[in-house]
Amino acid sequence: PNLNIVLMPRLNSKGAAVVLQGLN
């Protein structure tokens, strides 16, 4: 849980879903 993870999704609708879920 202490590992800093930065997501790298594509700039599209699937990527947006990844970002919202990932940040949450």
mmCIF file of all heavy atoms, coordinates in Angstrom:
data_MODEL
# 
_entry.id   MODEL 
# 
loop_
_atom_site.group_PDB 
_atom_site.id 
_atom_site.type_symbol 
_atom_site.label_atom_id 
_atom_site.label_alt_id 
_atom_site.label_comp_id 
_atom_site.label_asym_id 
_atom_site.label_entity_id 
_atom_site.label_seq_id 
_atom_site.pdbx_PDB_ins_code 
_atom_site.Cartn_x 
_atom_site.Cartn_y 
_atom_site.Cartn_z 
_atom_site.occupancy 
_atom_site.B_iso_or_equiv 
_atom_site.pdbx_formal_charge 
_atom_site.auth_seq_id 
_atom_site.auth_comp_id 
_atom_site.auth_asym_id 
_atom_site.auth_atom_id 
_atom_site.pdbx_PDB_model_num 
ATOM 1   N N   . PRO A 1 1  ? 0.798   -1.231 0.000   1.00 0.00 ? 1  PRO A N   1 
ATOM 2   C CA  . PRO A 1 1  ? 0.000   0.000  0.000   1.00 0.00 ? 1  PRO A CA  1 
ATOM 3   C C   . PRO A 1 1  ? 0.830   1.280  0.000   1.00 0.00 ? 1  PRO A C   1 
ATOM 4   O O   . PRO A 1 1  ? 0.324   2.339  -0.388  1.00 0.00 ? 1  PRO A O   1 
ATOM 5   C CB  . PRO A 1 1  ? -0.842  -0.120 1.285   1.00 0.00 ? 1  PRO A CB  1 
ATOM 6   C CG  . PRO A 1 1  ? -0.082  -1.077 2.147   1.00 0.00 ? 1  PRO A CG  1 
ATOM 7   C CD  . PRO A 1 1  ? 0.561   -2.047 1.211   1.00 0.00 ? 1  PRO A CD  1 
ATOM 8   N N   . ASN A 1 2  ? 2.097   1.201  0.402   1.00 0.00 ? 2  ASN A N   1 
ATOM 9   C CA  . ASN A 1 2  ? 2.948   2.393  0.431   1.00 0.00 ? 2  ASN A CA  1 
ATOM 10  C C   . ASN A 1 2  ? 3.705   2.631  -0.866  1.00 0.00 ? 2  ASN A C   1 
ATOM 11  O O   . ASN A 1 2  ? 4.414   3.631  -0.993  1.00 0.00 ? 2  ASN A O   1 
ATOM 12  C CB  . ASN A 1 2  ? 3.953   2.289  1.586   1.00 0.00 ? 2  ASN A CB  1 
ATOM 13  C CG  . ASN A 1 2  ? 3.277   2.323  2.947   1.00 0.00 ? 2  ASN A CG  1 
ATOM 14  O OD1 . ASN A 1 2  ? 2.265   2.993  3.120   1.00 0.00 ? 2  ASN A OD1 1 
ATOM 15  N ND2 . ASN A 1 2  ? 3.823   1.593  3.905   1.00 0.00 ? 2  ASN A ND2 1 
ATOM 16  N N   . LEU A 1 3  ? 3.568   1.719  -1.825  1.00 0.00 ? 3  LEU A N   1 
ATOM 17  C CA  . LEU A 1 3  ? 4.235   1.896  -3.108  1.00 0.00 ? 3  LEU A CA  1 
ATOM 18  C C   . LEU A 1 3  ? 3.486   2.933  -3.942  1.00 0.00 ? 3  LEU A C   1 
ATOM 19  O O   . LEU A 1 3  ? 2.281   2.826  -4.151  1.00 0.00 ? 3  LEU A O   1 
ATOM 20  C CB  . LEU A 1 3  ? 4.287   0.563  -3.861  1.00 0.00 ? 3  LEU A CB  1 
ATOM 21  C CG  . LEU A 1 3  ? 4.856   0.606  -5.288  1.00 0.00 ? 3  LEU A CG  1 
ATOM 22  C CD1 . LEU A 1 3  ? 6.300   1.072  -5.280  1.00 0.00 ? 3  LEU A CD1 1 
ATOM 23  C CD2 . LEU A 1 3  ? 4.744   -0.772 -5.940  1.00 0.00 ? 3  LEU A CD2 1 
ATOM 24  N N   . ASN A 1 4  ? 4.189   3.948  -4.411  1.00 0.00 ? 4  ASN A N   1 
ATOM 25  C CA  . ASN A 1 4  ? 3.580   4.991  -5.240  1.00 0.00 ? 4  ASN A CA  1 
ATOM 26  C C   . ASN A 1 4  ? 3.391   4.465  -6.660  1.00 0.00 ? 4  ASN A C   1 
ATOM 27  O O   . ASN A 1 4  ? 4.375   4.129  -7.334  1.00 0.00 ? 4  ASN A O   1 
ATOM 28  C CB  . ASN A 1 4  ? 4.478   6.234  -5.266  1.00 0.00 ? 4  ASN A CB  1 
ATOM 29  C CG  . ASN A 1 4  ? 4.640   6.853  -3.894  1.00 0.00 ? 4  ASN A CG  1 
ATOM 30  O OD1 . ASN A 1 4  ? 3.674   7.309  -3.295  1.00 0.00 ? 4  ASN A OD1 1 
ATOM 31  N ND2 . ASN A 1 4  ? 5.865   6.873  -3.380  1.00 0.00 ? 4  ASN A ND2 1 
ATOM 32  N N   . ILE A 1 5  ? 2.137   4.397  -7.104  1.00 0.00 ? 5  ILE A N   1 
ATOM 33  C CA  . ILE A 1 5  ? 1.831   3.873  -8.441  1.00 0.00 ? 5  ILE A CA  1 
ATOM 34  C C   . ILE A 1 5  ? 1.208   4.975  -9.298  1.00 0.00 ? 5  ILE A C   1 
ATOM 35  O O   . ILE A 1 5  ? 0.209   5.593  -8.922  1.00 0.00 ? 5  ILE A O   1 
ATOM 36  C CB  . ILE A 1 5  ? 0.866   2.679  -8.372  1.00 0.00 ? 5  ILE A CB  1 
ATOM 37  C CG1 . ILE A 1 5  ? 1.458   1.564  -7.495  1.00 0.00 ? 5  ILE A CG1 1 
ATOM 38  C CG2 . ILE A 1 5  ? 0.570   2.150  -9.777  1.00 0.00 ? 5  ILE A CG2 1 
ATOM 39  C CD1 . ILE A 1 5  ? 0.535   0.372  -7.312  1.00 0.00 ? 5  ILE A CD1 1 
ATOM 40  N N   . VAL A 1 6  ? 1.837   5.217  -10.446 1.00 0.00 ? 6  VAL A N   1 
ATOM 41  C CA  . VAL A 1 6  ? 1.305   6.170  -11.421 1.00 0.00 ? 6  VAL A CA  1 
ATOM 42  C C   . VAL A 1 6  ? 0.757   5.388  -12.605 1.00 0.00 ? 6  VAL A C   1 
ATOM 43  O O   . VAL A 1 6  ? 1.490   4.601  -13.227 1.00 0.00 ? 6  VAL A O   1 
ATOM 44  C CB  . VAL A 1 6  ? 2.395   7.151  -11.902 1.00 0.00 ? 6  VAL A CB  1 
ATOM 45  C CG1 . VAL A 1 6  ? 1.846   8.062  -13.001 1.00 0.00 ? 6  VAL A CG1 1 
ATOM 46  C CG2 . VAL A 1 6  ? 2.913   7.990  -10.732 1.00 0.00 ? 6  VAL A CG2 1 
ATOM 47  N N   . LEU A 1 7  ? -0.517  5.571  -12.905 1.00 0.00 ? 7  LEU A N   1 
ATOM 48  C CA  . LEU A 1 7  ? -1.151  4.863  -14.012 1.00 0.00 ? 7  LEU A CA  1 
ATOM 49  C C   . LEU A 1 7  ? -0.821  5.549  -15.340 1.00 0.00 ? 7  LEU A C   1 
ATOM 50  O O   . LEU A 1 7  ? -0.701  6.765  -15.397 1.00 0.00 ? 7  LEU A O   1 
ATOM 51  C CB  . LEU A 1 7  ? -2.666  4.840  -13.814 1.00 0.00 ? 7  LEU A CB  1 
ATOM 52  C CG  . LEU A 1 7  ? -3.176  4.297  -12.474 1.00 0.00 ? 7  LEU A CG  1 
ATOM 53  C CD1 . LEU A 1 7  ? -4.687  4.412  -12.400 1.00 0.00 ? 7  LEU A CD1 1 
ATOM 54  C CD2 . LEU A 1 7  ? -2.735  2.855  -12.272 1.00 0.00 ? 7  LEU A CD2 1 
ATOM 55  N N   . MET A 1 8  ? -0.697  4.745  -16.404 1.00 0.00 ? 8  MET A N   1 
ATOM 56  C CA  . MET A 1 8  ? -0.446  5.293  -17.738 1.00 0.00 ? 8  MET A CA  1 
ATOM 57  C C   . MET A 1 8  ? -1.470  4.726  -18.715 1.00 0.00 ? 8  MET A C   1 
ATOM 58  O O   . MET A 1 8  ? -1.203  3.755  -19.437 1.00 0.00 ? 8  MET A O   1 
ATOM 59  C CB  . MET A 1 8  ? 0.976   4.966  -18.189 1.00 0.00 ? 8  MET A CB  1 
ATOM 60  C CG  . MET A 1 8  ? 2.042   5.607  -17.328 1.00 0.00 ? 8  MET A CG  1 
ATOM 61  S SD  . MET A 1 8  ? 3.699   5.477  -18.035 1.00 0.00 ? 8  MET A SD  1 
ATOM 62  C CE  . MET A 1 8  ? 3.906   3.697  -18.099 1.00 0.00 ? 8  MET A CE  1 
ATOM 63  N N   . PRO A 1 9  ? -2.675  5.311  -18.734 1.00 0.00 ? 9  PRO A N   1 
ATOM 64  C CA  . PRO A 1 9  ? -3.728  4.844  -19.649 1.00 0.00 ? 9  PRO A CA  1 
ATOM 65  C C   . PRO A 1 9  ? -3.679  5.606  -20.977 1.00 0.00 ? 9  PRO A C   1 
ATOM 66  O O   . PRO A 1 9  ? -3.027  6.648  -21.088 1.00 0.00 ? 9  PRO A O   1 
ATOM 67  C CB  . PRO A 1 9  ? -5.000  5.201  -18.878 1.00 0.00 ? 9  PRO A CB  1 
ATOM 68  C CG  . PRO A 1 9  ? -4.625  6.477  -18.167 1.00 0.00 ? 9  PRO A CG  1 
ATOM 69  C CD  . PRO A 1 9  ? -3.163  6.358  -17.819 1.00 0.00 ? 9  PRO A CD  1 
ATOM 70  N N   . ARG A 1 10 ? -4.380  5.061  -21.966 1.00 0.00 ? 10 ARG A N   1 
ATOM 71  C CA  . ARG A 1 10 ? -4.544  5.775  -23.233 1.00 0.00 ? 10 ARG A CA  1 
ATOM 72  C C   . ARG A 1 10 ? -5.516  6.935  -23.044 1.00 0.00 ? 10 ARG A C   1 
ATOM 73  O O   . ARG A 1 10 ? -6.366  6.925  -22.140 1.00 0.00 ? 10 ARG A O   1 
ATOM 74  C CB  . ARG A 1 10 ? -5.092  4.832  -24.304 1.00 0.00 ? 10 ARG A CB  1 
ATOM 75  C CG  . ARG A 1 10 ? -4.133  3.748  -24.735 1.00 0.00 ? 10 ARG A CG  1 
ATOM 76  C CD  . ARG A 1 10 ? -3.057  4.271  -25.642 1.00 0.00 ? 10 ARG A CD  1 
ATOM 77  N NE  . ARG A 1 10 ? -2.183  3.201  -26.120 1.00 0.00 ? 10 ARG A NE  1 
ATOM 78  C CZ  . ARG A 1 10 ? -1.113  3.404  -26.883 1.00 0.00 ? 10 ARG A CZ  1 
ATOM 79  N NH1 . ARG A 1 10 ? -0.798  4.629  -27.244 1.00 0.00 ? 10 ARG A NH1 1 
ATOM 80  N NH2 . ARG A 1 10 ? -0.369  2.386  -27.268 1.00 0.00 ? 10 ARG A NH2 1 
ATOM 81  N N   . LEU A 1 11 ? -5.387  7.923  -23.905 1.00 0.00 ? 11 LEU A N   1 
ATOM 82  C CA  . LEU A 1 11 ? -6.267  9.090  -23.841 1.00 0.00 ? 11 LEU A CA  1 
ATOM 83  C C   . LEU A 1 11 ? -7.560  8.782  -24.593 1.00 0.00 ? 11 LEU A C   1 
ATOM 84  O O   . LEU A 1 11 ? -7.812  9.262  -25.688 1.00 0.00 ? 11 LEU A O   1 
ATOM 85  C CB  . LEU A 1 11 ? -5.567  10.315 -24.438 1.00 0.00 ? 11 LEU A CB  1 
ATOM 86  C CG  . LEU A 1 11 ? -6.257  11.669 -24.262 1.00 0.00 ? 11 LEU A CG  1 
ATOM 87  C CD1 . LEU A 1 11 ? -6.492  11.974 -22.790 1.00 0.00 ? 11 LEU A CD1 1 
ATOM 88  C CD2 . LEU A 1 11 ? -5.434  12.773 -24.916 1.00 0.00 ? 11 LEU A CD2 1 
ATOM 89  N N   . ASN A 1 12 ? -8.406  7.928  -23.976 1.00 0.00 ? 12 ASN A N   1 
ATOM 90  C CA  . ASN A 1 12 ? -9.689  7.561  -24.551 1.00 0.00 ? 12 ASN A CA  1 
ATOM 91  C C   . ASN A 1 12 ? -10.656 7.190  -23.430 1.00 0.00 ? 12 ASN A C   1 
ATOM 92  O O   . ASN A 1 12 ? -10.322 7.320  -22.241 1.00 0.00 ? 12 ASN A O   1 
ATOM 93  C CB  . ASN A 1 12 ? -9.531  6.406  -25.560 1.00 0.00 ? 12 ASN A CB  1 
ATOM 94  C CG  . ASN A 1 12 ? -8.829  5.189  -24.951 1.00 0.00 ? 12 ASN A CG  1 
ATOM 95  O OD1 . ASN A 1 12 ? -8.918  4.949  -23.743 1.00 0.00 ? 12 ASN A OD1 1 
ATOM 96  N ND2 . ASN A 1 12 ? -8.144  4.429  -25.788 1.00 0.00 ? 12 ASN A ND2 1 
ATOM 97  N N   . SER A 1 13 ? -11.845 6.731  -23.770 1.00 0.00 ? 13 SER A N   1 
ATOM 98  C CA  . SER A 1 13 ? -12.862 6.454  -22.750 1.00 0.00 ? 13 SER A CA  1 
ATOM 99  C C   . SER A 1 13 ? -12.448 5.303  -21.834 1.00 0.00 ? 13 SER A C   1 
ATOM 100 O O   . SER A 1 13 ? -12.715 5.330  -20.630 1.00 0.00 ? 13 SER A O   1 
ATOM 101 C CB  . SER A 1 13 ? -14.207 6.139  -23.414 1.00 0.00 ? 13 SER A CB  1 
ATOM 102 O OG  . SER A 1 13 ? -14.089 5.035  -24.302 1.00 0.00 ? 13 SER A OG  1 
ATOM 103 N N   . LYS A 1 14 ? -11.787 4.292  -22.384 1.00 0.00 ? 14 LYS A N   1 
ATOM 104 C CA  . LYS A 1 14 ? -11.326 3.186  -21.542 1.00 0.00 ? 14 LYS A CA  1 
ATOM 105 C C   . LYS A 1 14 ? -10.264 3.665  -20.559 1.00 0.00 ? 14 LYS A C   1 
ATOM 106 O O   . LYS A 1 14 ? -10.227 3.253  -19.400 1.00 0.00 ? 14 LYS A O   1 
ATOM 107 C CB  . LYS A 1 14 ? -10.765 2.060  -22.413 1.00 0.00 ? 14 LYS A CB  1 
ATOM 108 C CG  . LYS A 1 14 ? -11.814 1.306  -23.214 1.00 0.00 ? 14 LYS A CG  1 
ATOM 109 C CD  . LYS A 1 14 ? -11.183 0.171  -24.000 1.00 0.00 ? 14 LYS A CD  1 
ATOM 110 C CE  . LYS A 1 14 ? -12.242 -0.609 -24.783 1.00 0.00 ? 14 LYS A CE  1 
ATOM 111 N NZ  . LYS A 1 14 ? -11.637 -1.719 -25.570 1.00 0.00 ? 14 LYS A NZ  1 
ATOM 112 N N   . GLY A 1 15 ? -9.401  4.553  -21.033 1.00 0.00 ? 15 GLY A N   1 
ATOM 113 C CA  . GLY A 1 15 ? -8.371  5.112  -20.163 1.00 0.00 ? 15 GLY A CA  1 
ATOM 114 C C   . GLY A 1 15 ? -8.967  5.945  -19.044 1.00 0.00 ? 15 GLY A C   1 
ATOM 115 O O   . GLY A 1 15 ? -8.480  5.931  -17.906 1.00 0.00 ? 15 GLY A O   1 
ATOM 116 N N   . ALA A 1 16 ? -10.043 6.691  -19.365 1.00 0.00 ? 16 ALA A N   1 
ATOM 117 C CA  . ALA A 1 16 ? -10.715 7.504  -18.352 1.00 0.00 ? 16 ALA A CA  1 
ATOM 118 C C   . ALA A 1 16 ? -11.282 6.624  -17.239 1.00 0.00 ? 16 ALA A C   1 
ATOM 119 O O   . ALA A 1 16 ? -11.206 6.967  -16.049 1.00 0.00 ? 16 ALA A O   1 
ATOM 120 C CB  . ALA A 1 16 ? -11.823 8.331  -18.991 1.00 0.00 ? 16 ALA A CB  1 
ATOM 121 N N   . ALA A 1 17 ? -11.846 5.476  -17.620 1.00 0.00 ? 17 ALA A N   1 
ATOM 122 C CA  . ALA A 1 17 ? -12.391 4.547  -16.627 1.00 0.00 ? 17 ALA A CA  1 
ATOM 123 C C   . ALA A 1 17 ? -11.284 4.004  -15.728 1.00 0.00 ? 17 ALA A C   1 
ATOM 124 O O   . ALA A 1 17 ? -11.461 3.847  -14.519 1.00 0.00 ? 17 ALA A O   1 
ATOM 125 C CB  . ALA A 1 17 ? -13.122 3.400  -17.332 1.00 0.00 ? 17 ALA A CB  1 
ATOM 126 N N   . VAL A 1 18 ? -10.126 3.733  -16.319 1.00 0.00 ? 18 VAL A N   1 
ATOM 127 C CA  . VAL A 1 18 ? -8.974  3.248  -15.553 1.00 0.00 ? 18 VAL A CA  1 
ATOM 128 C C   . VAL A 1 18 ? -8.536  4.296  -14.532 1.00 0.00 ? 18 VAL A C   1 
ATOM 129 O O   . VAL A 1 18 ? -8.264  3.978  -13.370 1.00 0.00 ? 18 VAL A O   1 
ATOM 130 C CB  . VAL A 1 18 ? -7.799  2.906  -16.502 1.00 0.00 ? 18 VAL A CB  1 
ATOM 131 C CG1 . VAL A 1 18 ? -6.506  2.700  -15.700 1.00 0.00 ? 18 VAL A CG1 1 
ATOM 132 C CG2 . VAL A 1 18 ? -8.113  1.667  -17.315 1.00 0.00 ? 18 VAL A CG2 1 
ATOM 133 N N   . VAL A 1 19 ? -8.486  5.547  -14.964 1.00 0.00 ? 19 VAL A N   1 
ATOM 134 C CA  . VAL A 1 19 ? -8.056  6.632  -14.076 1.00 0.00 ? 19 VAL A CA  1 
ATOM 135 C C   . VAL A 1 19 ? -8.996  6.782  -12.888 1.00 0.00 ? 19 VAL A C   1 
ATOM 136 O O   . VAL A 1 19 ? -8.556  6.856  -11.731 1.00 0.00 ? 19 VAL A O   1 
ATOM 137 C CB  . VAL A 1 19 ? -7.961  7.965  -14.850 1.00 0.00 ? 19 VAL A CB  1 
ATOM 138 C CG1 . VAL A 1 19 ? -7.809  9.138  -13.881 1.00 0.00 ? 19 VAL A CG1 1 
ATOM 139 C CG2 . VAL A 1 19 ? -6.789  7.933  -15.812 1.00 0.00 ? 19 VAL A CG2 1 
ATOM 140 N N   . LEU A 1 20 ? -10.294 6.847  -13.143 1.00 0.00 ? 20 LEU A N   1 
ATOM 141 C CA  . LEU A 1 20 ? -11.266 7.033  -12.058 1.00 0.00 ? 20 LEU A CA  1 
ATOM 142 C C   . LEU A 1 20 ? -11.207 5.898  -11.050 1.00 0.00 ? 20 LEU A C   1 
ATOM 143 O O   . LEU A 1 20 ? -11.213 6.120  -9.834  1.00 0.00 ? 20 LEU A O   1 
ATOM 144 C CB  . LEU A 1 20 ? -12.680 7.160  -12.640 1.00 0.00 ? 20 LEU A CB  1 
ATOM 145 C CG  . LEU A 1 20 ? -12.962 8.440  -13.419 1.00 0.00 ? 20 LEU A CG  1 
ATOM 146 C CD1 . LEU A 1 20 ? -14.349 8.380  -14.056 1.00 0.00 ? 20 LEU A CD1 1 
ATOM 147 C CD2 . LEU A 1 20 ? -12.864 9.667  -12.515 1.00 0.00 ? 20 LEU A CD2 1 
ATOM 148 N N   . GLN A 1 21 ? -11.144 4.671  -11.550 1.00 0.00 ? 21 GLN A N   1 
ATOM 149 C CA  . GLN A 1 21 ? -11.078 3.519  -10.662 1.00 0.00 ? 21 GLN A CA  1 
ATOM 150 C C   . GLN A 1 21 ? -9.743  3.488  -9.915  1.00 0.00 ? 21 GLN A C   1 
ATOM 151 O O   . GLN A 1 21 ? -9.683  3.191  -8.718  1.00 0.00 ? 21 GLN A O   1 
ATOM 152 C CB  . GLN A 1 21 ? -11.270 2.230  -11.459 1.00 0.00 ? 21 GLN A CB  1 
ATOM 153 C CG  . GLN A 1 21 ? -11.160 0.953  -10.644 1.00 0.00 ? 21 GLN A CG  1 
ATOM 154 C CD  . GLN A 1 21 ? -12.335 0.738  -9.697  1.00 0.00 ? 21 GLN A CD  1 
ATOM 155 O OE1 . GLN A 1 21 ? -13.182 1.595  -9.528  1.00 0.00 ? 21 GLN A OE1 1 
ATOM 156 N NE2 . GLN A 1 21 ? -12.371 -0.425 -9.068  1.00 0.00 ? 21 GLN A NE2 1 
ATOM 157 N N   . GLY A 1 22 ? -8.665  3.794  -10.633 1.00 0.00 ? 22 GLY A N   1 
ATOM 158 C CA  . GLY A 1 22 ? -7.342  3.753  -10.032 1.00 0.00 ? 22 GLY A CA  1 
ATOM 159 C C   . GLY A 1 22 ? -7.155  4.784  -8.931  1.00 0.00 ? 22 GLY A C   1 
ATOM 160 O O   . GLY A 1 22 ? -6.626  4.473  -7.856  1.00 0.00 ? 22 GLY A O   1 
ATOM 161 N N   . LEU A 1 23 ? -7.595  6.009  -9.170  1.00 0.00 ? 23 LEU A N   1 
ATOM 162 C CA  . LEU A 1 23 ? -7.475  7.048  -8.147  1.00 0.00 ? 23 LEU A CA  1 
ATOM 163 C C   . LEU A 1 23 ? -8.314  6.701  -6.922  1.00 0.00 ? 23 LEU A C   1 
ATOM 164 O O   . LEU A 1 23 ? -7.912  6.945  -5.780  1.00 0.00 ? 23 LEU A O   1 
ATOM 165 C CB  . LEU A 1 23 ? -7.904  8.406  -8.715  1.00 0.00 ? 23 LEU A CB  1 
ATOM 166 C CG  . LEU A 1 23 ? -6.959  9.042  -9.734  1.00 0.00 ? 23 LEU A CG  1 
ATOM 167 C CD1 . LEU A 1 23 ? -7.564  10.324 -10.281 1.00 0.00 ? 23 LEU A CD1 1 
ATOM 168 C CD2 . LEU A 1 23 ? -5.586  9.323  -9.125  1.00 0.00 ? 23 LEU A CD2 1 
ATOM 169 N N   . ASN A 1 24 ? -9.484  6.146  -7.177  1.00 0.00 ? 24 ASN A N   1 
ATOM 170 C CA  . ASN A 1 24 ? -10.351 5.729  -6.078  1.00 0.00 ? 24 ASN A CA  1 
ATOM 171 C C   . ASN A 1 24 ? -9.690  4.643  -5.225  1.00 0.00 ? 24 ASN A C   1 
ATOM 172 O O   . ASN A 1 24 ? -9.905  4.581  -4.008  1.00 0.00 ? 24 ASN A O   1 
ATOM 173 C CB  . ASN A 1 24 ? -11.691 5.219  -6.628  1.00 0.00 ? 24 ASN A CB  1 
ATOM 174 C CG  . ASN A 1 24 ? -12.699 4.940  -5.531  1.00 0.00 ? 24 ASN A CG  1 
ATOM 175 O OD1 . ASN A 1 24 ? -12.612 5.470  -4.426  1.00 0.00 ? 24 ASN A OD1 1 
ATOM 176 N ND2 . ASN A 1 24 ? -13.675 4.101  -5.817  1.00 0.00 ? 24 ASN A ND2 1 
# 
